[in-house]
Amino acid sequence: MTGKGFLKSGHTPSLFSAFLYFDVSFMLWVLLGPLAVVIGNQFHLDAAQKANLVALPTLGGSLLRLVLGWMTDSIGPKKTGQIGMLVSMIPLIWGWQFADSVNQLYFVALLLGVAGASFAAALPLASRWYPPQYQGLAMGIAGAGNSGTIFATLFANRIAEYYGGWHAVFGIALIPLALTFLVFTLLAKDSPNQPVPQTLTDYGRVLKERDAWLFCVFYSVTFGGFVGMSSYLTIFFNTQYGLSPVKAADFTTLCVIAGSFFRPVGGWLADRFGGVRMLAILYTCVAAMMAGISTLPGLSVTTAMLFVAMMSLGMGNGAVFQLVPQRFQKEIGIMTGVVGAAGGLGGYFLPKILGNLKLLTGSFTWGFLILSGIAVCALVILYVVQGKWKNTWIGEGGRVKTAQVKINV
């Protein structure tokens, strides 16, 4: 009955279009992660330069997330998605035909951020068609597009190896993007229920709230950790364990699968046991795993710990967004954009930490220890604020105390 009700309540072609657009865009966003090993070998990049290459797309995605969010409010998610895909073709064409220096690849990397900002259009396209009782399911289906990361780590280096270089990967990536653009254009449709566009004043009011900044911190650790690790792990496996580009990317795929598919589990468990409780457990797991990885054990042990860490980060993403709508019921659209941008910034700094400290110290140990420390800091902050939260807006099981919610608008 639930399935039939869900299918009748919204617009299935738009939901599928949103998922497909998000899936292909996420694949493009992290494309340089696995390719960084191949490119690094050609241009003899050091650890910091490789980190820059994989970090810039996440920086671009973070900054452009707010731009695409504004466009979605102004011209609608369909037109915004179409423009986003057309602009995403530029770095692919440039990487395929023209890029022959590190500086040009930095430009390509930054512009790939347009693909990373895709959820600013994809998620509203899906969610605006569905009533409140189906919002979680609709957002979950559209958000499952983060599994596009798997296609990048699984196929990018294989294509580069088979076709004689990384340039071909950018050219071949144009094919699924073009097909997605066609499907999206034909099937996607804006919901007639479009919200009033948000203004800069609206953003300013939300950012005056301390809790808004706290959620940005928490999401920068979980989502930033997931995206940053997804982009950097191929470099890590190749550098630390001497794996070939293809094998290093395969090991990355195993870890990415954990983060991608356990996100909805994190949201479900947060509904059941409370978002704060789940985040506390997950931050503890991340801190422990990162500390263990810092000892640089054997490949199998490291992979197992990274699997648990990525699973925890993915579940943490779901747990954070179990809490955000409770605290900011009326401002959820704005908060999704602000918190999402903060997550991208976290993904930018993680490769920089690992790459720069590897270059400075000659080891990954200190980088993973700092990542462990960041998770511990997030855990401490969570424990400090949870008391006030439980006295104001969190009730039993982490559910909102509707009578006590205080929202400044």
Protein backbone atom coordinates (compact mmCIF):
# COMPACT_ATOMS: atom_id res chain seq x y z
CA MET A 1 0.00 0.00 0.00
CA THR A 2 2.81 2.39 0.87
CA GLY A 3 4.49 1.78 -2.48
CA LYS A 4 1.30 2.42 -4.44
CA GLY A 5 0.55 5.54 -2.43
CA PHE A 6 4.06 6.84 -2.99
CA LEU A 7 3.93 6.26 -6.74
CA LYS A 8 0.59 8.04 -7.04
CA SER A 9 1.53 10.95 -4.81
CA GLY A 10 4.30 12.46 -6.94
CA HIS A 11 5.90 12.44 -10.38
CA THR A 12 7.96 9.30 -10.99
CA PRO A 13 9.70 10.52 -14.20
CA SER A 14 11.01 13.58 -12.34
CA LEU A 15 12.16 11.42 -9.43
CA PHE A 16 14.04 9.13 -11.80
CA SER A 17 15.52 12.13 -13.64
CA ALA A 18 16.70 13.62 -10.35
CA PHE A 19 18.39 10.35 -9.37
CA LEU A 20 20.05 9.94 -12.77
CA TYR A 21 21.28 13.53 -12.85
CA PHE A 22 22.67 13.26 -9.33
CA ASP A 23 24.28 9.88 -10.05
CA VAL A 24 26.16 10.99 -13.17
CA SER A 25 27.10 14.32 -11.60
CA PHE A 26 28.56 12.65 -8.53
CA MET A 27 30.59 10.40 -10.81
CA LEU A 28 32.03 13.44 -12.56
CA TRP A 29 32.64 15.27 -9.29
CA VAL A 30 35.07 12.64 -7.99
CA LEU A 31 36.50 11.63 -11.38
CA LEU A 32 39.91 13.09 -10.61
CA GLY A 33 40.22 11.02 -7.44
CA PRO A 34 41.21 7.76 -9.13
CA LEU A 35 42.80 9.55 -12.11
CA ALA A 36 45.14 11.53 -9.84
CA VAL A 37 47.48 8.55 -9.62
CA VAL A 38 47.79 8.26 -13.42
CA ILE A 39 48.06 12.01 -13.89
CA GLY A 40 50.53 12.29 -11.02
CA ASN A 41 52.82 9.72 -12.65
CA GLN A 42 52.79 11.61 -15.94
CA PHE A 43 53.50 15.04 -14.47
CA HIS A 44 55.63 13.80 -11.53
CA LEU A 45 53.37 15.47 -8.98
CA ASP A 46 54.32 15.49 -5.31
CA ALA A 47 51.91 14.58 -2.51
CA ALA A 48 50.65 18.15 -2.04
CA GLN A 49 50.01 18.65 -5.78
CA LYS A 50 48.01 15.42 -5.97
CA ALA A 51 46.01 16.57 -2.96
CA ASN A 52 45.27 19.89 -4.68
CA LEU A 53 44.06 18.09 -7.78
CA VAL A 54 41.49 16.00 -5.92
CA ALA A 55 40.52 18.73 -3.43
CA LEU A 56 39.62 21.48 -5.92
CA PRO A 57 36.43 19.80 -7.24
CA THR A 58 35.05 19.64 -3.70
CA LEU A 59 35.92 23.30 -3.15
CA GLY A 60 34.17 24.22 -6.40
CA GLY A 61 31.15 22.12 -5.44
CA SER A 62 30.93 23.81 -2.05
CA LEU A 63 31.06 27.34 -3.46
CA LEU A 64 28.77 26.65 -6.41
CA ARG A 65 26.23 24.83 -4.24
CA LEU A 66 24.88 28.18 -3.09
CA VAL A 67 24.84 29.53 -6.66
CA LEU A 68 22.84 26.58 -7.99
CA GLY A 69 20.59 26.79 -4.96
CA TRP A 70 19.77 30.41 -5.80
CA MET A 71 19.17 29.46 -9.43
CA THR A 72 16.86 26.64 -8.38
CA ASP A 73 14.75 29.08 -6.38
CA SER A 74 14.76 31.65 -9.20
CA ILE A 75 14.28 29.67 -12.42
CA GLY A 76 13.33 26.22 -11.13
CA PRO A 77 15.27 22.97 -10.64
CA LYS A 78 14.80 21.67 -14.19
CA LYS A 79 16.40 24.64 -15.95
CA THR A 80 19.10 24.78 -13.27
CA GLY A 81 19.90 21.11 -13.80
CA GLN A 82 20.07 21.56 -17.57
CA ILE A 83 22.44 24.52 -17.21
CA GLY A 84 24.53 22.58 -14.69
CA MET A 85 24.97 19.65 -17.08
CA LEU A 86 25.83 21.90 -20.02
CA VAL A 87 28.47 23.72 -17.96
CA SER A 88 29.82 20.37 -16.71
CA MET A 89 30.61 19.47 -20.31
CA ILE A 90 33.20 22.28 -20.43
CA PRO A 91 35.77 20.70 -18.08
CA LEU A 92 35.23 17.30 -19.70
CA ILE A 93 35.91 18.68 -23.19
CA TRP A 94 38.86 20.66 -21.88
CA GLY A 95 40.34 17.64 -20.13
CA TRP A 96 39.80 15.49 -23.18
CA GLN A 97 41.16 17.77 -25.90
CA PHE A 98 43.26 20.57 -24.41
CA ALA A 99 44.59 19.98 -20.89
CA ASP A 100 48.35 19.42 -21.09
CA SER A 101 49.63 21.04 -17.89
CA VAL A 102 48.99 20.88 -14.17
CA ASN A 103 47.57 24.40 -14.11
CA GLN A 104 45.03 23.54 -16.80
CA LEU A 105 44.05 20.45 -14.83
CA TYR A 106 43.51 22.63 -11.78
CA PHE A 107 41.07 24.66 -13.87
CA VAL A 108 39.33 21.45 -14.95
CA ALA A 109 39.18 20.29 -11.34
CA LEU A 110 37.63 23.50 -10.05
CA LEU A 111 35.01 23.60 -12.81
CA LEU A 112 34.02 19.99 -12.08
CA GLY A 113 32.59 21.52 -8.92
CA VAL A 114 29.50 22.40 -10.99
CA ALA A 115 28.72 18.68 -11.05
CA GLY A 116 29.29 18.50 -7.30
CA ALA A 117 26.73 21.24 -6.75
CA SER A 118 24.09 19.22 -8.60
CA PHE A 119 22.17 18.22 -5.50
CA ALA A 120 21.06 21.86 -5.18
CA ALA A 121 18.79 21.17 -8.16
CA ALA A 122 18.34 17.39 -8.10
CA LEU A 123 16.96 17.07 -4.57
CA PRO A 124 14.42 19.93 -4.83
CA LEU A 125 13.27 18.57 -8.22
CA ALA A 126 12.36 15.31 -6.50
CA SER A 127 11.19 16.49 -3.09
CA ARG A 128 8.82 19.25 -4.25
CA TRP A 129 6.60 16.70 -5.97
CA TYR A 130 5.88 14.68 -2.82
CA PRO A 131 3.78 15.31 0.32
CA PRO A 132 5.44 15.37 3.76
CA GLN A 133 4.80 11.69 4.54
CA TYR A 134 6.86 10.66 1.48
CA GLN A 135 9.60 13.30 1.66
CA GLY A 136 12.10 10.95 3.29
CA LEU A 137 11.62 8.25 0.67
CA ALA A 138 11.76 10.69 -2.25
CA MET A 139 14.91 12.36 -0.91
CA GLY A 140 16.44 8.95 -0.22
CA ILE A 141 15.87 7.75 -3.79
CA ALA A 142 17.21 10.93 -5.36
CA GLY A 143 20.09 11.11 -2.88
CA ALA A 144 21.10 7.54 -3.70
CA GLY A 145 22.79 9.14 -6.68
CA ASN A 146 25.89 9.54 -4.53
CA SER A 147 26.56 5.95 -5.61
CA GLY A 148 27.91 7.52 -8.82
CA THR A 149 31.19 7.70 -6.92
CA ILE A 150 31.48 3.95 -7.41
CA PHE A 151 31.44 4.26 -11.20
CA ALA A 152 34.32 6.72 -11.09
CA THR A 153 36.53 4.59 -8.85
CA LEU A 154 35.65 1.36 -10.62
CA PHE A 155 36.04 2.39 -14.26
CA ALA A 156 38.14 5.57 -14.62
CA ASN A 157 41.58 3.99 -14.36
CA ARG A 158 40.52 0.94 -16.35
CA ILE A 159 39.43 3.19 -19.21
CA ALA A 160 42.68 5.15 -18.94
CA GLU A 161 44.67 1.92 -19.11
CA TYR A 162 42.68 0.44 -21.99
CA TYR A 163 42.59 3.59 -24.15
CA GLY A 164 46.15 4.66 -23.49
CA GLY A 165 45.74 7.64 -21.19
CA TRP A 166 43.60 9.74 -18.89
CA HIS A 167 42.48 12.18 -21.62
CA ALA A 168 40.17 9.50 -23.02
CA VAL A 169 38.34 9.19 -19.70
CA PHE A 170 37.08 12.77 -19.95
CA GLY A 171 35.92 12.18 -23.50
CA ILE A 172 34.09 8.96 -22.68
CA ALA A 173 32.49 10.61 -19.63
CA LEU A 174 30.71 12.97 -22.02
CA ILE A 175 28.60 10.06 -23.26
CA PRO A 176 26.65 9.32 -20.05
CA LEU A 177 26.41 13.04 -19.36
CA ALA A 178 24.89 13.73 -22.79
CA LEU A 179 22.45 10.82 -22.43
CA THR A 180 21.46 12.03 -18.98
CA PHE A 181 20.88 15.53 -20.32
CA LEU A 182 18.56 14.09 -22.98
CA VAL A 183 16.60 11.95 -20.51
CA PHE A 184 16.42 14.80 -18.02
CA THR A 185 15.14 17.22 -20.67
CA LEU A 186 12.45 14.80 -21.83
CA LEU A 187 11.25 13.45 -18.48
CA ALA A 188 11.90 16.01 -15.75
CA LYS A 189 9.17 18.46 -14.87
CA ASP A 190 9.09 21.19 -12.23
CA SER A 191 6.48 20.75 -9.53
CA PRO A 192 3.66 23.33 -9.58
CA ASN A 193 4.33 23.81 -5.86
CA GLN A 194 7.43 25.99 -6.00
CA PRO A 195 8.39 27.79 -2.78
CA VAL A 196 8.99 31.52 -2.52
CA PRO A 197 12.64 32.27 -3.43
CA GLN A 198 14.91 32.82 -0.44
CA THR A 199 16.68 36.14 -0.03
CA LEU A 200 20.08 37.03 1.40
CA THR A 201 18.25 38.35 4.45
CA ASP A 202 16.75 34.90 5.01
CA TYR A 203 20.22 33.35 4.93
CA GLY A 204 21.50 36.03 7.29
CA ARG A 205 18.78 35.30 9.83
CA VAL A 206 19.57 31.59 9.87
CA LEU A 207 23.31 32.19 10.17
CA LYS A 208 22.72 34.20 13.32
CA GLU A 209 21.71 30.94 14.98
CA ARG A 210 24.51 29.08 16.75
CA ASP A 211 22.90 25.75 15.92
CA ALA A 212 23.22 26.46 12.19
CA TRP A 213 26.99 26.71 12.57
CA LEU A 214 27.07 23.58 14.72
CA PHE A 215 25.30 21.57 12.04
CA CYS A 216 27.79 22.91 9.50
CA VAL A 217 30.63 21.61 11.68
CA PHE A 218 29.01 18.20 12.14
CA TYR A 219 28.27 17.77 8.42
CA SER A 220 31.72 18.97 7.37
CA VAL A 221 33.10 16.02 9.35
CA THR A 222 30.67 13.39 8.02
CA PHE A 223 29.98 14.40 4.42
CA GLY A 224 33.33 16.14 4.06
CA GLY A 225 35.01 13.02 5.37
CA PHE A 226 33.13 10.79 2.94
CA VAL A 227 33.79 12.92 -0.16
CA GLY A 228 37.37 13.74 0.82
CA MET A 229 38.26 10.12 1.47
CA SER A 230 36.50 9.00 -1.72
CA SER A 231 38.69 11.41 -3.66
CA TYR A 232 41.96 10.67 -1.88
CA LEU A 233 41.97 6.95 -1.07
CA THR A 234 43.23 5.85 -4.50
CA ILE A 235 46.29 8.05 -3.96
CA PHE A 236 46.73 6.63 -0.46
CA PHE A 237 46.53 2.97 -1.54
CA ASN A 238 48.89 3.61 -4.45
CA THR A 239 51.45 5.56 -2.40
CA GLN A 240 51.39 3.56 0.83
CA TYR A 241 50.98 0.03 -0.50
CA GLY A 242 52.35 0.30 -4.03
CA LEU A 243 49.12 -0.84 -5.70
CA SER A 244 48.63 -0.19 -9.39
CA PRO A 245 46.22 2.62 -10.31
CA VAL A 246 43.48 0.11 -11.15
CA LYS A 247 43.91 -1.98 -7.99
CA ALA A 248 44.19 1.11 -5.80
CA ALA A 249 40.89 2.38 -7.24
CA ASP A 250 39.29 -1.06 -6.68
CA PHE A 251 40.17 -0.93 -2.99
CA THR A 252 38.75 2.60 -2.87
CA THR A 253 35.53 1.28 -4.41
CA LEU A 254 35.10 -1.18 -1.54
CA CYS A 255 35.30 1.66 0.95
CA VAL A 256 33.07 3.97 -1.08
CA ILE A 257 30.35 1.32 -1.26
CA ALA A 258 30.21 1.31 2.54
CA GLY A 259 29.69 5.07 2.75
CA SER A 260 27.21 5.25 -0.12
CA PHE A 261 24.80 2.49 0.83
CA PHE A 262 24.80 2.96 4.60
CA ARG A 263 23.67 6.60 4.51
CA PRO A 264 19.94 5.72 4.61
CA VAL A 265 20.67 3.22 7.39
CA GLY A 266 22.10 6.09 9.43
CA GLY A 267 18.92 8.11 8.95
CA TRP A 268 16.74 5.13 9.87
CA LEU A 269 18.73 4.36 13.01
CA ALA A 270 18.68 8.04 13.96
CA ASP A 271 14.86 7.98 13.71
CA ARG A 272 14.82 4.91 15.94
CA PHE A 273 17.44 5.81 18.56
CA GLY A 274 17.93 9.56 18.18
CA GLY A 275 20.25 11.58 15.96
CA VAL A 276 22.49 12.79 18.79
CA ARG A 277 23.03 9.30 20.13
CA MET A 278 23.82 7.96 16.66
CA LEU A 279 26.26 10.77 15.88
CA ALA A 280 28.07 10.17 19.18
CA ILE A 281 28.53 6.48 18.33
CA LEU A 282 29.57 7.21 14.74
CA TYR A 283 32.08 9.93 15.63
CA THR A 284 33.61 7.54 18.16
CA CYS A 285 33.94 4.86 15.47
CA VAL A 286 35.52 7.31 13.02
CA ALA A 287 38.01 8.55 15.62
CA ALA A 288 38.99 5.00 16.57
CA MET A 289 39.38 3.86 12.96
CA MET A 290 41.45 6.87 11.92
CA ALA A 291 43.72 6.40 14.94
CA GLY A 292 44.16 2.76 14.00
CA ILE A 293 44.92 3.59 10.36
CA SER A 294 47.56 6.07 11.51
CA THR A 295 49.71 3.10 12.60
CA LEU A 296 49.76 2.09 8.90
CA PRO A 297 49.11 -1.64 9.37
CA GLY A 298 48.91 -4.19 6.57
CA LEU A 299 46.70 -3.66 3.55
CA SER A 300 43.88 -5.96 4.67
CA VAL A 301 43.64 -4.43 8.15
CA THR A 302 43.75 -0.89 6.77
CA THR A 303 41.03 -1.70 4.25
CA ALA A 304 38.81 -3.16 6.96
CA MET A 305 39.23 -0.09 9.15
CA LEU A 306 38.60 2.26 6.23
CA PHE A 307 35.45 0.30 5.39
CA VAL A 308 34.14 0.84 8.93
CA ALA A 309 35.20 4.49 8.89
CA MET A 310 33.49 5.20 5.58
CA MET A 311 30.40 3.30 6.70
CA SER A 312 30.30 5.46 9.83
CA LEU A 313 30.75 8.66 7.83
CA GLY A 314 27.96 7.69 5.44
CA MET A 315 25.62 6.85 8.30
CA GLY A 316 26.62 10.11 9.97
CA ASN A 317 25.36 12.03 6.93
CA GLY A 318 21.93 10.48 7.43
CA ALA A 319 22.03 11.17 11.17
CA VAL A 320 22.85 14.87 10.71
CA PHE A 321 19.93 15.35 8.37
CA GLN A 322 17.65 13.56 10.79
CA LEU A 323 18.35 16.42 13.20
CA VAL A 324 18.43 19.43 10.87
CA PRO A 325 14.71 19.37 9.88
CA GLN A 326 13.76 19.08 13.57
CA ARG A 327 15.65 22.19 14.63
CA PHE A 328 14.98 24.25 11.50
CA GLN A 329 11.53 23.19 10.39
CA LYS A 330 10.66 26.44 8.59
CA GLU A 331 14.14 27.08 7.20
CA ILE A 332 14.98 23.59 5.97
CA GLY A 333 15.52 24.76 2.38
CA ILE A 334 18.10 27.35 3.42
CA MET A 335 19.74 25.00 5.91
CA THR A 336 20.11 22.27 3.31
CA GLY A 337 22.13 24.68 1.16
CA VAL A 338 24.23 26.08 3.98
CA VAL A 339 24.99 22.73 5.59
CA GLY A 340 25.65 21.12 2.20
CA ALA A 341 28.18 23.82 1.34
CA ALA A 342 29.92 23.27 4.67
CA GLY A 343 30.15 19.56 3.90
CA GLY A 344 31.92 20.34 0.65
CA LEU A 345 34.46 22.51 2.47
CA GLY A 346 35.25 19.60 4.76
CA GLY A 347 35.88 17.47 1.68
CA TYR A 348 38.30 20.10 0.39
CA PHE A 349 40.46 20.23 3.50
CA LEU A 350 40.75 16.46 4.11
CA PRO A 351 42.97 15.68 1.08
CA LYS A 352 45.00 18.80 1.85
CA ILE A 353 45.67 17.55 5.37
CA LEU A 354 46.74 14.09 4.24
CA GLY A 355 48.74 15.25 1.21
CA ASN A 356 50.57 18.18 2.80
CA LEU A 357 51.51 16.25 5.94
CA LYS A 358 52.69 13.33 3.82
CA LEU A 359 54.97 15.73 1.93
CA LEU A 360 56.12 17.40 5.16
CA THR A 361 56.73 14.31 7.32
CA GLY A 362 57.15 11.55 4.75
CA SER A 363 54.34 9.54 6.35
CA PHE A 364 50.54 9.42 6.44
CA THR A 365 50.58 8.85 10.21
CA TRP A 366 50.16 12.46 11.29
CA GLY A 367 47.43 13.13 8.75
CA PHE A 368 45.24 10.29 10.01
CA LEU A 369 45.94 11.24 13.62
CA ILE A 370 44.67 14.75 12.90
CA LEU A 371 41.56 13.32 11.23
CA SER A 372 41.00 11.23 14.35
CA GLY A 373 41.40 14.35 16.47
CA ILE A 374 38.85 16.23 14.35
CA ALA A 375 36.30 13.45 14.97
CA VAL A 376 37.04 13.64 18.70
CA CYS A 377 36.51 17.42 18.64
CA ALA A 378 33.15 16.94 16.91
CA LEU A 379 32.23 14.39 19.57
CA VAL A 380 33.14 16.78 22.39
CA ILE A 381 31.14 19.62 20.82
CA LEU A 382 28.16 17.26 20.45
CA TYR A 383 28.29 16.33 24.14
CA VAL A 384 28.55 19.97 25.16
CA VAL A 385 25.47 21.09 23.20
CA GLN A 386 23.25 18.02 23.63
CA GLY A 387 22.14 19.08 27.10
CA LYS A 388 20.72 22.35 25.86
CA TRP A 389 19.19 20.67 22.84
CA LYS A 390 17.39 18.11 25.01
CA ASN A 391 15.98 20.92 27.12
CA THR A 392 14.67 22.85 24.13
CA TRP A 393 13.82 20.85 21.01
CA ILE A 394 14.89 17.20 21.29
CA GLY A 395 12.49 14.79 22.99
CA GLU A 396 12.43 11.05 23.51
CA GLY A 397 14.20 9.10 20.77
CA GLY A 398 15.56 12.31 19.28
CA ARG A 399 12.14 13.49 18.13
CA VAL A 400 11.29 17.15 18.12
CA LYS A 401 9.46 18.76 21.03
CA THR A 402 7.07 20.74 18.86
CA ALA A 403 5.74 22.78 21.74
CA GLN A 404 9.20 23.95 22.76
CA VAL A 405 10.85 24.62 19.42
CA LYS A 406 12.43 28.06 19.26
CA ILE A 407 13.03 29.28 15.73
CA ASN A 408 14.01 32.85 15.02
CA VAL A 409 12.62 33.96 11.67
